[in-house]
Amino acid sequence: MATELFNDGSHACYAFHDLAEDYGEHAVQCNQFLIIDRGEAALIDPGGATTYNGLLMALQKLVPVKDLKYVLASHADPDVMASINRWFVSTGCRLAISRVWARFVPHYASGNLSTERIIPIPDEGASIRLGGSAVKAVPAHFLHAEGNFQFYDPVSRILFSGDLGASMVPPDLAAQPVQNLDAHLRYMAGFHRRYMVCNKVCRFWAQMARRLDIEMIVPQHGSRIVGKAAIARFIDWVEALSCGVDLLGQDDYKIPD
């Protein structure tokens, strides 16, 4: 089932929270996203084999799937894009992904399907034309992947933030918006401490994010963050976060008994 995040008649954004087959605690909950502008569509972080069939059926209710223009991948983890071969086969889409990961894509695809259909995004990011607008690939390197991008839609003012902002909420809460960030931090803190690389990149990201006009932060896992106050609080929290290599010591590098 699609959650409509934004719709002004010519531009719409949707989220899908519950399409994966039920693997219970053996698979992480993942969200997928669709942007449509004047009939052109981009699918963000479509996921793996567990989401493909459900996502395909859900998209058919919103847009002619064969006309899908882009798949936008924040990074190359299997929960982000392991299904890319199926999208290459069933649509004429092109894949936009960090140049760091572009040469890894053929390992997900069969034959030469991916050869001419990959758009490598340079480290500094890019604007990707969609209908009458442009989606901005915003650098988020090492949050958590080496080559990592978030996708900012200036029409809806939504930041599709990948793993940054992710929360490990119960599945039935994933579609619920969050406006009280402090009450939500218990679902976020452990994930961010483990998966974000270090405070240095968190601070760089925070300084950049404050320059964007953001109404909603929508991560790949868990609940979306809505409203200026909650978003400002989230940016402040990320800026001060100790995580990843900040927390490691020699005791984490021992030869097992």
C-alpha atoms as a PDB file:
ATOM      1  CA  MET A   1       0.000   0.000   0.000  1.00  0.00           C
ATOM      2  CA  ALA A   2       1.352   3.413  -0.986  1.00  0.00           C
ATOM      3  CA  THR A   3       1.584   6.324   1.445  1.00  0.00           C
ATOM      4  CA  GLU A   4       1.169   9.650  -0.373  1.00  0.00           C
ATOM      5  CA  LEU A   5       3.793  12.054   0.940  1.00  0.00           C
ATOM      6  CA  PHE A   6       3.064  14.945  -1.435  1.00  0.00           C
ATOM      7  CA  ASN A   7       0.788  15.712  -4.383  1.00  0.00           C
ATOM      8  CA  ASP A   8       0.136  19.071  -6.024  1.00  0.00           C
ATOM      9  CA  GLY A   9      -1.507  17.673  -9.136  1.00  0.00           C
ATOM     10  CA  SER A  10       1.576  17.595 -11.360  1.00  0.00           C
ATOM     11  CA  HIS A  11       4.187  16.357  -8.905  1.00  0.00           C
ATOM     12  CA  ALA A  12       3.739  13.511  -6.409  1.00  0.00           C
ATOM     13  CA  CYS A  13       5.843  11.486  -3.960  1.00  0.00           C
ATOM     14  CA  TYR A  14       4.942   8.116  -2.489  1.00  0.00           C
ATOM     15  CA  ALA A  15       6.439   5.755   0.101  1.00  0.00           C
ATOM     16  CA  PHE A  16       5.991   2.002   0.422  1.00  0.00           C
ATOM     17  CA  HIS A  17       6.592   0.514   3.870  1.00  0.00           C
ATOM     18  CA  ASP A  18       5.232  -3.015   3.927  1.00  0.00           C
ATOM     19  CA  LEU A  19       6.000  -4.754   0.639  1.00  0.00           C
ATOM     20  CA  ALA A  20       8.677  -7.224   1.740  1.00  0.00           C
ATOM     21  CA  GLU A  21       7.750 -10.850   2.196  1.00  0.00           C
ATOM     22  CA  ASP A  22       7.403 -11.680   5.868  1.00  0.00           C
ATOM     23  CA  TYR A  23      10.845 -12.755   7.022  1.00  0.00           C
ATOM     24  CA  GLY A  24      10.178 -11.571  10.583  1.00  0.00           C
ATOM     25  CA  GLU A  25      13.338 -10.816  12.525  1.00  0.00           C
ATOM     26  CA  HIS A  26      15.509 -12.338   9.788  1.00  0.00           C
ATOM     27  CA  ALA A  27      15.241  -9.291   7.480  1.00  0.00           C
ATOM     28  CA  VAL A  28      15.370  -5.570   8.177  1.00  0.00           C
ATOM     29  CA  GLN A  29      12.285  -3.476   7.388  1.00  0.00           C
ATOM     30  CA  CYS A  30      12.853  -1.300   4.305  1.00  0.00           C
ATOM     31  CA  ASN A  31      11.022   1.568   2.632  1.00  0.00           C
ATOM     32  CA  GLN A  32      10.870   2.284  -1.101  1.00  0.00           C
ATOM     33  CA  PHE A  33       9.955   5.572  -2.768  1.00  0.00           C
ATOM     34  CA  LEU A  34       8.503   6.953  -5.995  1.00  0.00           C
ATOM     35  CA  ILE A  35       8.614  10.484  -7.421  1.00  0.00           C
ATOM     36  CA  ILE A  36       6.410  11.384 -10.383  1.00  0.00           C
ATOM     37  CA  ASP A  37       6.643  14.721 -12.197  1.00  0.00           C
ATOM     38  CA  ARG A  38       4.496  15.392 -15.266  1.00  0.00           C
ATOM     39  CA  GLY A  39       4.295  11.705 -16.068  1.00  0.00           C
ATOM     40  CA  GLU A  40       7.989  10.890 -15.620  1.00  0.00           C
ATOM     41  CA  ALA A  41       8.857   8.606 -12.708  1.00  0.00           C
ATOM     42  CA  ALA A  42      11.900   7.813 -10.571  1.00  0.00           C
ATOM     43  CA  LEU A  43      12.029   4.916  -8.117  1.00  0.00           C
ATOM     44  CA  ILE A  44      14.331   5.384  -5.103  1.00  0.00           C
ATOM     45  CA  ASP A  45      16.045   2.438  -3.359  1.00  0.00           C
ATOM     46  CA  PRO A  46      13.745  -0.291  -4.748  1.00  0.00           C
ATOM     47  CA  GLY A  47      15.135  -3.054  -2.538  1.00  0.00           C
ATOM     48  CA  GLY A  48      15.749  -6.723  -3.216  1.00  0.00           C
ATOM     49  CA  ALA A  49      13.890  -9.845  -4.249  1.00  0.00           C
ATOM     50  CA  THR A  50      11.601  -9.677  -1.218  1.00  0.00           C
ATOM     51  CA  THR A  51      10.062  -6.368  -2.336  1.00  0.00           C
ATOM     52  CA  TYR A  52      10.075  -6.620  -6.144  1.00  0.00           C
ATOM     53  CA  ASN A  53       6.706  -8.270  -6.790  1.00  0.00           C
ATOM     54  CA  GLY A  54       4.812  -6.139  -4.304  1.00  0.00           C
ATOM     55  CA  LEU A  55       6.480  -2.942  -5.493  1.00  0.00           C
ATOM     56  CA  LEU A  56       5.801  -3.740  -9.144  1.00  0.00           C
ATOM     57  CA  MET A  57       2.086  -4.239  -8.438  1.00  0.00           C
ATOM     58  CA  ALA A  58       1.918  -1.090  -6.309  1.00  0.00           C
ATOM     59  CA  LEU A  59       3.606   1.016  -9.006  1.00  0.00           C
ATOM     60  CA  GLN A  60       1.204  -0.196 -11.677  1.00  0.00           C
ATOM     61  CA  LYS A  61      -1.594   1.618  -9.850  1.00  0.00           C
ATOM     62  CA  LEU A  62       0.321   4.916 -10.014  1.00  0.00           C
ATOM     63  CA  VAL A  63       2.357   5.013 -13.233  1.00  0.00           C
ATOM     64  CA  PRO A  64       2.926   2.931 -16.405  1.00  0.00           C
ATOM     65  CA  VAL A  65       5.789   0.772 -15.115  1.00  0.00           C
ATOM     66  CA  LYS A  66       7.347   0.204 -18.531  1.00  0.00           C
ATOM     67  CA  ASP A  67       7.901   3.959 -18.745  1.00  0.00           C
ATOM     68  CA  LEU A  68       9.890   4.165 -15.491  1.00  0.00           C
ATOM     69  CA  LYS A  69      12.705   6.610 -16.277  1.00  0.00           C
ATOM     70  CA  TYR A  70      15.111   6.156 -13.369  1.00  0.00           C
ATOM     71  CA  VAL A  71      16.062   4.019 -10.463  1.00  0.00           C
ATOM     72  CA  LEU A  72      17.969   6.168  -7.955  1.00  0.00           C
ATOM     73  CA  ALA A  73      20.178   4.211  -5.537  1.00  0.00           C
ATOM     74  CA  SER A  74      21.573   5.803  -2.403  1.00  0.00           C
ATOM     75  CA  HIS A  75      24.306   3.135  -2.295  1.00  0.00           C
ATOM     76  CA  ALA A  76      24.793  -0.492  -3.353  1.00  0.00           C
ATOM     77  CA  ASP A  77      23.636  -2.585  -0.387  1.00  0.00           C
ATOM     78  CA  PRO A  78      21.340  -5.502  -1.308  1.00  0.00           C
ATOM     79  CA  ASP A  79      18.378  -4.025   0.608  1.00  0.00           C
ATOM     80  CA  VAL A  80      18.747  -0.957  -1.643  1.00  0.00           C
ATOM     81  CA  MET A  81      19.145  -2.433  -5.120  1.00  0.00           C
ATOM     82  CA  ALA A  82      19.513  -6.221  -5.299  1.00  0.00           C
ATOM     83  CA  SER A  83      16.398  -6.238  -7.532  1.00  0.00           C
ATOM     84  CA  ILE A  84      17.955  -3.964 -10.180  1.00  0.00           C
ATOM     85  CA  ASN A  85      18.232  -6.747 -12.778  1.00  0.00           C
ATOM     86  CA  ARG A  86      14.457  -7.232 -12.659  1.00  0.00           C
ATOM     87  CA  TRP A  87      13.884  -3.504 -13.154  1.00  0.00           C
ATOM     88  CA  PHE A  88      16.289  -3.493 -16.101  1.00  0.00           C
ATOM     89  CA  VAL A  89      14.350  -6.383 -17.655  1.00  0.00           C
ATOM     90  CA  SER A  90      10.819  -5.107 -17.005  1.00  0.00           C
ATOM     91  CA  THR A  91      11.384  -1.399 -17.743  1.00  0.00           C
ATOM     92  CA  GLY A  92      13.599   0.897 -19.794  1.00  0.00           C
ATOM     93  CA  CYS A  93      14.947   2.624 -16.671  1.00  0.00           C
ATOM     94  CA  ARG A  94      18.444   3.954 -16.141  1.00  0.00           C
ATOM     95  CA  LEU A  95      20.192   3.567 -12.797  1.00  0.00           C
ATOM     96  CA  ALA A  96      21.810   6.574 -11.088  1.00  0.00           C
ATOM     97  CA  ILE A  97      24.320   5.524  -8.427  1.00  0.00           C
ATOM     98  CA  SER A  98      27.621   6.760  -7.001  1.00  0.00           C
ATOM     99  CA  ARG A  99      30.559   6.350  -9.371  1.00  0.00           C
ATOM    100  CA  VAL A 100      32.190   4.395  -6.521  1.00  0.00           C
ATOM    101  CA  TRP A 101      29.594   1.637  -6.966  1.00  0.00           C
ATOM    102  CA  ALA A 102      28.844   1.881 -10.708  1.00  0.00           C
ATOM    103  CA  ARG A 103      31.297  -0.885 -11.644  1.00  0.00           C
ATOM    104  CA  PHE A 104      29.759  -3.208  -9.046  1.00  0.00           C
ATOM    105  CA  VAL A 105      26.275  -3.023 -10.597  1.00  0.00           C
ATOM    106  CA  PRO A 106      26.977  -5.705 -13.262  1.00  0.00           C
ATOM    107  CA  HIS A 107      27.338  -8.200 -10.415  1.00  0.00           C
ATOM    108  CA  TYR A 108      23.610  -7.674  -9.771  1.00  0.00           C
ATOM    109  CA  ALA A 109      22.637  -7.824 -13.451  1.00  0.00           C
ATOM    110  CA  SER A 110      22.719 -10.527 -16.123  1.00  0.00           C
ATOM    111  CA  GLY A 111      24.366 -10.203 -19.529  1.00  0.00           C
ATOM    112  CA  ASN A 112      24.969  -6.680 -20.780  1.00  0.00           C
ATOM    113  CA  LEU A 113      21.744  -5.207 -19.429  1.00  0.00           C
ATOM    114  CA  SER A 114      23.521  -2.615 -17.322  1.00  0.00           C
ATOM    115  CA  THR A 115      26.275  -1.542 -19.724  1.00  0.00           C
ATOM    116  CA  GLU A 116      24.585   1.529 -21.203  1.00  0.00           C
ATOM    117  CA  ARG A 117      22.054   2.158 -18.484  1.00  0.00           C
ATOM    118  CA  ILE A 118      24.153   3.315 -15.538  1.00  0.00           C
ATOM    119  CA  ILE A 119      24.550   6.987 -14.678  1.00  0.00           C
ATOM    120  CA  PRO A 120      27.606   7.301 -12.397  1.00  0.00           C
ATOM    121  CA  ILE A 121      27.045  10.173  -9.970  1.00  0.00           C
ATOM    122  CA  PRO A 122      30.269  12.132  -9.269  1.00  0.00           C
ATOM    123  CA  ASP A 123      31.318  12.629  -5.664  1.00  0.00           C
ATOM    124  CA  GLU A 124      30.084  16.226  -5.650  1.00  0.00           C
ATOM    125  CA  GLY A 125      26.534  15.135  -6.570  1.00  0.00           C
ATOM    126  CA  ALA A 126      24.285  16.014  -9.497  1.00  0.00           C
ATOM    127  CA  SER A 127      20.890  17.313 -10.573  1.00  0.00           C
ATOM    128  CA  ILE A 128      18.802  14.642 -12.298  1.00  0.00           C
ATOM    129  CA  ARG A 129      16.105  15.966 -14.611  1.00  0.00           C
ATOM    130  CA  LEU A 130      12.655  14.490 -14.046  1.00  0.00           C
ATOM    131  CA  GLY A 131       9.690  15.903 -15.941  1.00  0.00           C
ATOM    132  CA  GLY A 132       9.735  19.653 -15.385  1.00  0.00           C
ATOM    133  CA  SER A 133      11.827  19.445 -12.207  1.00  0.00           C
ATOM    134  CA  ALA A 134      15.171  18.059 -11.047  1.00  0.00           C
ATOM    135  CA  VAL A 135      16.006  15.733  -8.172  1.00  0.00           C
ATOM    136  CA  LYS A 136      19.275  16.615  -6.458  1.00  0.00           C
ATOM    137  CA  ALA A 137      21.704  13.821  -5.563  1.00  0.00           C
ATOM    138  CA  VAL A 138      23.180  15.242  -2.340  1.00  0.00           C
ATOM    139  CA  PRO A 139      26.522  13.934  -1.003  1.00  0.00           C
ATOM    140  CA  ALA A 140      26.233  11.800   2.128  1.00  0.00           C
ATOM    141  CA  HIS A 141      29.494   9.874   1.848  1.00  0.00           C
ATOM    142  CA  PHE A 142      30.308   7.501   4.736  1.00  0.00           C
ATOM    143  CA  LEU A 143      26.755   7.850   6.089  1.00  0.00           C
ATOM    144  CA  HIS A 144      27.165   4.929   5.909  1.00  0.00           C
ATOM    145  CA  ALA A 145      28.619   3.831   2.544  1.00  0.00           C
ATOM    146  CA  GLU A 146      31.855   5.079   0.974  1.00  0.00           C
ATOM    147  CA  GLY A 147      29.931   6.432  -1.995  1.00  0.00           C
ATOM    148  CA  ASN A 148      26.543   7.494  -0.664  1.00  0.00           C
ATOM    149  CA  PHE A 149      23.875   9.930  -1.832  1.00  0.00           C
ATOM    150  CA  GLN A 150      20.621  11.265  -0.518  1.00  0.00           C
ATOM    151  CA  PHE A 151      17.972  12.532  -2.924  1.00  0.00           C
ATOM    152  CA  TYR A 152      16.417  15.941  -2.334  1.00  0.00           C
ATOM    153  CA  ASP A 153      13.205  16.851  -4.130  1.00  0.00           C
ATOM    154  CA  PRO A 154      12.944  20.667  -4.208  1.00  0.00           C
ATOM    155  CA  VAL A 155       9.258  20.621  -5.218  1.00  0.00           C
ATOM    156  CA  SER A 156       8.011  18.626  -2.220  1.00  0.00           C
ATOM    157  CA  ARG A 157      11.014  19.678  -0.077  1.00  0.00           C
ATOM    158  CA  ILE A 158      11.499  16.055   0.927  1.00  0.00           C
ATOM    159  CA  LEU A 159      14.963  14.673   1.646  1.00  0.00           C
ATOM    160  CA  PHE A 160      15.084  10.947   0.914  1.00  0.00           C
ATOM    161  CA  SER A 161      17.918  10.300   3.326  1.00  0.00           C
ATOM    162  CA  GLY A 162      18.902   6.654   2.866  1.00  0.00           C
ATOM    163  CA  ASP A 163      20.249   5.136   6.088  1.00  0.00           C
ATOM    164  CA  LEU A 164      20.669   8.464   7.858  1.00  0.00           C
ATOM    165  CA  GLY A 165      17.586   8.977   9.982  1.00  0.00           C
ATOM    166  CA  ALA A 166      16.754   5.266   9.914  1.00  0.00           C
ATOM    167  CA  SER A 167      14.861   3.846  12.881  1.00  0.00           C
ATOM    168  CA  MET A 168      14.303   0.275  13.988  1.00  0.00           C
ATOM    169  CA  VAL A 169      10.611   0.664  14.781  1.00  0.00           C
ATOM    170  CA  PRO A 170       8.004  -2.098  14.970  1.00  0.00           C
ATOM    171  CA  PRO A 171       6.741  -2.722  11.402  1.00  0.00           C
ATOM    172  CA  ASP A 172       3.300  -1.261  12.117  1.00  0.00           C
ATOM    173  CA  LEU A 173       4.895   2.103  13.046  1.00  0.00           C
ATOM    174  CA  ALA A 174       7.005   2.530   9.895  1.00  0.00           C
ATOM    175  CA  ALA A 175       4.272   4.450   8.064  1.00  0.00           C
ATOM    176  CA  GLN A 176       3.663   6.808  11.001  1.00  0.00           C
ATOM    177  CA  PRO A 177       5.217  10.320  10.897  1.00  0.00           C
ATOM    178  CA  VAL A 178       7.440  11.483  13.743  1.00  0.00           C
ATOM    179  CA  GLN A 179       7.224  15.042  15.080  1.00  0.00           C
ATOM    180  CA  ASN A 180       8.666  14.479  18.570  1.00  0.00           C
ATOM    181  CA  LEU A 181      12.238  13.487  17.801  1.00  0.00           C
ATOM    182  CA  ASP A 182      13.375  13.047  21.402  1.00  0.00           C
ATOM    183  CA  ALA A 183      10.755  10.363  21.999  1.00  0.00           C
ATOM    184  CA  HIS A 184      11.885   8.668  18.773  1.00  0.00           C
ATOM    185  CA  LEU A 185      15.632   8.593  19.494  1.00  0.00           C
ATOM    186  CA  ARG A 186      15.448   5.239  21.267  1.00  0.00           C
ATOM    187  CA  TYR A 187      14.645   3.683  17.891  1.00  0.00           C
ATOM    188  CA  MET A 188      17.502   5.487  16.129  1.00  0.00           C
ATOM    189  CA  ALA A 189      20.486   5.762  18.445  1.00  0.00           C
ATOM    190  CA  GLY A 190      21.887   2.223  18.318  1.00  0.00           C
ATOM    191  CA  PHE A 191      21.612   1.979  14.554  1.00  0.00           C
ATOM    192  CA  HIS A 192      23.379   5.290  13.983  1.00  0.00           C
ATOM    193  CA  ARG A 193      26.176   4.586  16.443  1.00  0.00           C
ATOM    194  CA  ARG A 194      26.960   1.364  14.601  1.00  0.00           C
ATOM    195  CA  TYR A 195      26.347   2.260  10.950  1.00  0.00           C
ATOM    196  CA  MET A 196      27.534   5.870  10.638  1.00  0.00           C
ATOM    197  CA  VAL A 197      31.305   6.104  10.226  1.00  0.00           C
ATOM    198  CA  CYS A 198      32.362   9.000  12.466  1.00  0.00           C
ATOM    199  CA  ASN A 199      31.354  12.356  13.906  1.00  0.00           C
ATOM    200  CA  LYS A 200      33.500  14.267  11.400  1.00  0.00           C
ATOM    201  CA  VAL A 201      31.241  13.348   8.475  1.00  0.00           C
ATOM    202  CA  CYS A 202      28.131  13.853  10.622  1.00  0.00           C
ATOM    203  CA  ARG A 203      29.211  17.447  11.219  1.00  0.00           C
ATOM    204  CA  PHE A 204      29.899  18.028   7.501  1.00  0.00           C
ATOM    205  CA  TRP A 205      26.463  16.670   6.639  1.00  0.00           C
ATOM    206  CA  ALA A 206      24.715  18.813   9.272  1.00  0.00           C
ATOM    207  CA  GLN A 207      26.279  22.006   7.948  1.00  0.00           C
ATOM    208  CA  MET A 208      25.132  21.113   4.427  1.00  0.00           C
ATOM    209  CA  ALA A 209      21.638  20.016   5.490  1.00  0.00           C
ATOM    210  CA  ARG A 210      20.908  23.344   7.188  1.00  0.00           C
ATOM    211  CA  ARG A 211      21.211  25.000   3.773  1.00  0.00           C
ATOM    212  CA  LEU A 212      18.339  22.933   2.383  1.00  0.00           C
ATOM    213  CA  ASP A 213      14.671  23.852   2.814  1.00  0.00           C
ATOM    214  CA  ILE A 214      13.448  20.527   4.221  1.00  0.00           C
ATOM    215  CA  GLU A 215       9.844  19.788   5.207  1.00  0.00           C
ATOM    216  CA  MET A 216      10.303  16.040   5.621  1.00  0.00           C
ATOM    217  CA  ILE A 217      13.183  13.593   6.060  1.00  0.00           C
ATOM    218  CA  VAL A 218      12.252  10.144   4.804  1.00  0.00           C
ATOM    219  CA  PRO A 219      14.792   7.374   5.530  1.00  0.00           C
ATOM    220  CA  GLN A 220      15.085   3.942   3.970  1.00  0.00           C
ATOM    221  CA  HIS A 221      14.177   2.236   7.261  1.00  0.00           C
ATOM    222  CA  GLY A 222      11.470   3.194   9.722  1.00  0.00           C
ATOM    223  CA  SER A 223       9.496   6.398  10.208  1.00  0.00           C
ATOM    224  CA  ARG A 224       9.683   9.748   8.420  1.00  0.00           C
ATOM    225  CA  ILE A 225      10.561  12.922  10.342  1.00  0.00           C
ATOM    226  CA  VAL A 226       8.091  15.738   9.717  1.00  0.00           C
ATOM    227  CA  GLY A 227       8.108  19.456  10.521  1.00  0.00           C
ATOM    228  CA  LYS A 228      10.757  22.131  10.885  1.00  0.00           C
ATOM    229  CA  ALA A 229      11.221  21.677  14.631  1.00  0.00           C
ATOM    230  CA  ALA A 230      11.779  17.915  14.478  1.00  0.00           C
ATOM    231  CA  ILE A 231      14.076  18.262  11.464  1.00  0.00           C
ATOM    232  CA  ALA A 232      16.178  20.937  13.169  1.00  0.00           C
ATOM    233  CA  ARG A 233      16.439  18.747  16.260  1.00  0.00           C
ATOM    234  CA  PHE A 234      17.501  15.781  14.123  1.00  0.00           C
ATOM    235  CA  ILE A 235      20.231  17.783  12.394  1.00  0.00           C
ATOM    236  CA  ASP A 236      21.526  18.985  15.766  1.00  0.00           C
ATOM    237  CA  TRP A 237      21.512  15.395  17.068  1.00  0.00           C
ATOM    238  CA  VAL A 238      23.452  14.107  14.063  1.00  0.00           C
ATOM    239  CA  GLU A 239      25.980  16.926  14.379  1.00  0.00           C
ATOM    240  CA  ALA A 240      26.805  15.897  17.955  1.00  0.00           C
ATOM    241  CA  LEU A 241      26.681  12.133  17.393  1.00  0.00           C
ATOM    242  CA  SER A 242      29.632   9.955  18.375  1.00  0.00           C
ATOM    243  CA  CYS A 243      29.548   6.881  16.176  1.00  0.00           C
ATOM    244  CA  GLY A 244      31.470   4.278  14.226  1.00  0.00           C
ATOM    245  CA  VAL A 245      35.227   4.595  14.581  1.00  0.00           C
ATOM    246  CA  ASP A 246      34.774   7.249  17.296  1.00  0.00           C
ATOM    247  CA  LEU A 247      33.643   4.457  19.616  1.00  0.00           C
ATOM    248  CA  LEU A 248      36.262   1.818  18.788  1.00  0.00           C
ATOM    249  CA  GLY A 249      39.266   0.863  20.886  1.00  0.00           C
ATOM    250  CA  GLN A 250      41.896  -1.846  21.023  1.00  0.00           C
ATOM    251  CA  ASP A 251      39.479  -4.156  22.851  1.00  0.00           C
ATOM    252  CA  ASP A 252      37.431  -4.299  19.623  1.00  0.00           C
ATOM    253  CA  TYR A 253      40.441  -5.771  17.788  1.00  0.00           C
ATOM    254  CA  LYS A 254      41.413  -8.952  19.625  1.00  0.00           C
ATOM    255  CA  ILE A 255      42.280 -12.380  18.351  1.00  0.00           C
ATOM    256  CA  PRO A 256      39.476 -14.736  19.466  1.00  0.00           C
ATOM    257  CA  ASP A 257      40.311 -17.435  22.024  1.00  0.00           C
END
